[in-house]
Amino acid sequence: MVKQWMICIGILFTPLVFAEVINDPTRPWRSESVVESVTQEDVTYQVSSIIKRRVGSSAIVNGQQVEIGDVIEGARVQKIERGRVLLQIKERQHWVVLSQVSGLKKSR
């Protein structure tokens, strides 16, 4: 009987002794999120246009033209790529994709 109890206790506590945290190797080092808009303390960031030029790029974020390194409403523009803008908000980075909402319609 005692032997059976020892085996049960050993089985119950073995996972606690040998458990270890395994990091996900596919997870980015810095947490990034891809969204159409980012909200931070009453500020929503929305990209309405991206302008690609031979030298440098700019984007329209919240109605203002910005380039890499600019700060808009507390967020620093880190990268401007086709269809998205990387914003540094405090210690986190967020990809904001080009908004599909537009007041313009495509002509035929």
C-alpha atoms as a PDB file:
ATOM      1  CA  MET A   1       0.000   0.000   0.000  1.00  0.00           C
ATOM      2  CA  VAL A   2       2.777   2.421   0.902  1.00  0.00           C
ATOM      3  CA  LYS A   3       4.555   1.545  -2.324  1.00  0.00           C
ATOM      4  CA  GLN A   4       1.429   2.421  -4.328  1.00  0.00           C
ATOM      5  CA  TRP A   5       1.156   5.812  -2.598  1.00  0.00           C
ATOM      6  CA  MET A   6       4.812   6.559  -3.305  1.00  0.00           C
ATOM      7  CA  ILE A   7       4.297   5.758  -6.983  1.00  0.00           C
ATOM      8  CA  CYS A   8       1.205   8.017  -7.139  1.00  0.00           C
ATOM      9  CA  ILE A   9       3.028  10.905  -5.460  1.00  0.00           C
ATOM     10  CA  GLY A  10       6.001  10.415  -7.756  1.00  0.00           C
ATOM     11  CA  ILE A  11       3.785  10.479 -10.857  1.00  0.00           C
ATOM     12  CA  LEU A  12       1.940  13.618  -9.681  1.00  0.00           C
ATOM     13  CA  PHE A  13       5.048  15.682  -8.891  1.00  0.00           C
ATOM     14  CA  THR A  14       7.393  14.519 -11.658  1.00  0.00           C
ATOM     15  CA  PRO A  15       6.084  17.060 -14.249  1.00  0.00           C
ATOM     16  CA  LEU A  16       6.702  19.895 -11.781  1.00  0.00           C
ATOM     17  CA  VAL A  17      10.328  18.953 -11.326  1.00  0.00           C
ATOM     18  CA  PHE A  18      11.190  18.478 -15.005  1.00  0.00           C
ATOM     19  CA  ALA A  19       8.999  21.180 -16.549  1.00  0.00           C
ATOM     20  CA  GLU A  20      10.850  23.877 -18.439  1.00  0.00           C
ATOM     21  CA  VAL A  21       9.785  26.883 -20.470  1.00  0.00           C
ATOM     22  CA  ILE A  22      10.359  26.435 -24.185  1.00  0.00           C
ATOM     23  CA  ASN A  23      10.562  29.609 -26.263  1.00  0.00           C
ATOM     24  CA  ASP A  24       8.866  29.654 -29.640  1.00  0.00           C
ATOM     25  CA  PRO A  25      11.699  29.999 -32.220  1.00  0.00           C
ATOM     26  CA  THR A  26       9.273  31.387 -34.813  1.00  0.00           C
ATOM     27  CA  ARG A  27       8.153  34.277 -32.615  1.00  0.00           C
ATOM     28  CA  PRO A  28       9.822  37.605 -33.493  1.00  0.00           C
ATOM     29  CA  TRP A  29      12.283  38.979 -30.981  1.00  0.00           C
ATOM     30  CA  ARG A  30      10.277  42.175 -30.673  1.00  0.00           C
ATOM     31  CA  SER A  31       6.559  41.951 -30.613  1.00  0.00           C
ATOM     32  CA  GLU A  32       5.097  43.354 -33.830  1.00  0.00           C
ATOM     33  CA  SER A  33       1.501  43.483 -34.856  1.00  0.00           C
ATOM     34  CA  VAL A  34      -0.050  44.127 -38.247  1.00  0.00           C
ATOM     35  CA  VAL A  35      -3.298  46.056 -38.142  1.00  0.00           C
ATOM     36  CA  GLU A  36      -5.266  48.507 -40.248  1.00  0.00           C
ATOM     37  CA  SER A  37      -5.251  51.035 -37.416  1.00  0.00           C
ATOM     38  CA  VAL A  38      -3.571  51.249 -34.006  1.00  0.00           C
ATOM     39  CA  THR A  39      -5.178  52.941 -31.010  1.00  0.00           C
ATOM     40  CA  GLN A  40      -3.043  54.345 -28.212  1.00  0.00           C
ATOM     41  CA  GLU A  41      -4.507  56.495 -25.436  1.00  0.00           C
ATOM     42  CA  ASP A  42      -7.219  58.158 -27.519  1.00  0.00           C
ATOM     43  CA  VAL A  43      -5.029  58.241 -30.672  1.00  0.00           C
ATOM     44  CA  THR A  44      -5.846  56.051 -33.669  1.00  0.00           C
ATOM     45  CA  TYR A  45      -3.224  55.769 -36.398  1.00  0.00           C
ATOM     46  CA  GLN A  46      -4.502  55.235 -39.914  1.00  0.00           C
ATOM     47  CA  VAL A  47      -2.470  55.158 -43.127  1.00  0.00           C
ATOM     48  CA  SER A  48      -4.457  56.582 -46.031  1.00  0.00           C
ATOM     49  CA  SER A  49      -1.709  56.848 -48.654  1.00  0.00           C
ATOM     50  CA  ILE A  50       1.871  55.812 -49.387  1.00  0.00           C
ATOM     51  CA  ILE A  51       4.053  57.764 -51.806  1.00  0.00           C
ATOM     52  CA  LYS A  52       7.058  55.888 -53.212  1.00  0.00           C
ATOM     53  CA  ARG A  53       9.806  57.961 -54.851  1.00  0.00           C
ATOM     54  CA  ARG A  54      13.228  57.166 -56.203  1.00  0.00           C
ATOM     55  CA  VAL A  55      14.785  58.789 -53.170  1.00  0.00           C
ATOM     56  CA  GLY A  56      12.822  58.144 -50.009  1.00  0.00           C
ATOM     57  CA  SER A  57       9.191  57.453 -49.374  1.00  0.00           C
ATOM     58  CA  SER A  58       6.455  59.200 -47.469  1.00  0.00           C
ATOM     59  CA  ALA A  59       3.038  58.297 -46.168  1.00  0.00           C
ATOM     60  CA  ILE A  60      -0.118  60.031 -45.128  1.00  0.00           C
ATOM     61  CA  VAL A  61      -0.803  59.060 -41.513  1.00  0.00           C
ATOM     62  CA  ASN A  62      -3.802  60.643 -39.806  1.00  0.00           C
ATOM     63  CA  GLY A  63      -3.978  63.203 -42.622  1.00  0.00           C
ATOM     64  CA  GLN A  64      -0.357  64.362 -42.283  1.00  0.00           C
ATOM     65  CA  GLN A  65       2.518  63.607 -44.630  1.00  0.00           C
ATOM     66  CA  VAL A  66       5.355  61.845 -42.785  1.00  0.00           C
ATOM     67  CA  GLU A  67       8.734  60.373 -43.685  1.00  0.00           C
ATOM     68  CA  ILE A  68      11.021  57.917 -41.898  1.00  0.00           C
ATOM     69  CA  GLY A  69      12.110  59.377 -38.559  1.00  0.00           C
ATOM     70  CA  ASP A  70       9.140  61.748 -38.225  1.00  0.00           C
ATOM     71  CA  VAL A  71       6.992  61.674 -35.098  1.00  0.00           C
ATOM     72  CA  ILE A  72       3.229  61.898 -35.376  1.00  0.00           C
ATOM     73  CA  GLU A  73       1.042  62.044 -32.278  1.00  0.00           C
ATOM     74  CA  GLY A  74       3.610  60.190 -30.142  1.00  0.00           C
ATOM     75  CA  ALA A  75       4.587  57.534 -32.705  1.00  0.00           C
ATOM     76  CA  ARG A  76       7.883  57.520 -34.620  1.00  0.00           C
ATOM     77  CA  VAL A  77       7.847  56.356 -38.240  1.00  0.00           C
ATOM     78  CA  GLN A  78      10.414  53.530 -38.527  1.00  0.00           C
ATOM     79  CA  LYS A  79       9.782  52.163 -42.047  1.00  0.00           C
ATOM     80  CA  ILE A  80       7.572  52.851 -45.013  1.00  0.00           C
ATOM     81  CA  GLU A  81       6.954  49.896 -47.291  1.00  0.00           C
ATOM     82  CA  ARG A  82       4.518  49.059 -50.029  1.00  0.00           C
ATOM     83  CA  GLY A  83       1.118  48.922 -48.355  1.00  0.00           C
ATOM     84  CA  ARG A  84       2.223  49.448 -44.741  1.00  0.00           C
ATOM     85  CA  VAL A  85       4.031  51.724 -42.278  1.00  0.00           C
ATOM     86  CA  LEU A  86       5.998  50.637 -39.192  1.00  0.00           C
ATOM     87  CA  LEU A  87       5.323  52.844 -36.159  1.00  0.00           C
ATOM     88  CA  GLN A  88       7.315  52.804 -32.911  1.00  0.00           C
ATOM     89  CA  ILE A  89       4.911  53.559 -30.066  1.00  0.00           C
ATOM     90  CA  LYS A  90       6.750  53.662 -26.747  1.00  0.00           C
ATOM     91  CA  GLU A  91       8.717  50.377 -26.730  1.00  0.00           C
ATOM     92  CA  ARG A  92       6.537  48.456 -29.200  1.00  0.00           C
ATOM     93  CA  GLN A  93       6.475  48.363 -32.964  1.00  0.00           C
ATOM     94  CA  HIS A  94       3.249  48.140 -34.946  1.00  0.00           C
ATOM     95  CA  TRP A  95       2.733  47.683 -38.673  1.00  0.00           C
ATOM     96  CA  VAL A  96      -0.226  49.760 -39.827  1.00  0.00           C
ATOM     97  CA  VAL A  97      -1.498  48.671 -43.232  1.00  0.00           C
ATOM     98  CA  LEU A  98      -2.851  50.989 -45.874  1.00  0.00           C
ATOM     99  CA  SER A  99      -6.500  51.603 -45.123  1.00  0.00           C
ATOM    100  CA  GLN A 100      -9.023  50.226 -47.572  1.00  0.00           C
ATOM    101  CA  VAL A 101     -11.488  52.971 -46.624  1.00  0.00           C
ATOM    102  CA  SER A 102     -11.421  55.839 -49.074  1.00  0.00           C
ATOM    103  CA  GLY A 103     -13.622  58.719 -50.134  1.00  0.00           C
ATOM    104  CA  LEU A 104     -12.486  58.186 -53.714  1.00  0.00           C
ATOM    105  CA  LYS A 105     -13.845  55.640 -56.119  1.00  0.00           C
ATOM    106  CA  LYS A 106     -11.936  53.956 -58.911  1.00  0.00           C
ATOM    107  CA  SER A 107     -13.060  55.150 -62.313  1.00  0.00           C
ATOM    108  CA  ARG A 108     -13.647  52.647 -65.080  1.00  0.00           C
END
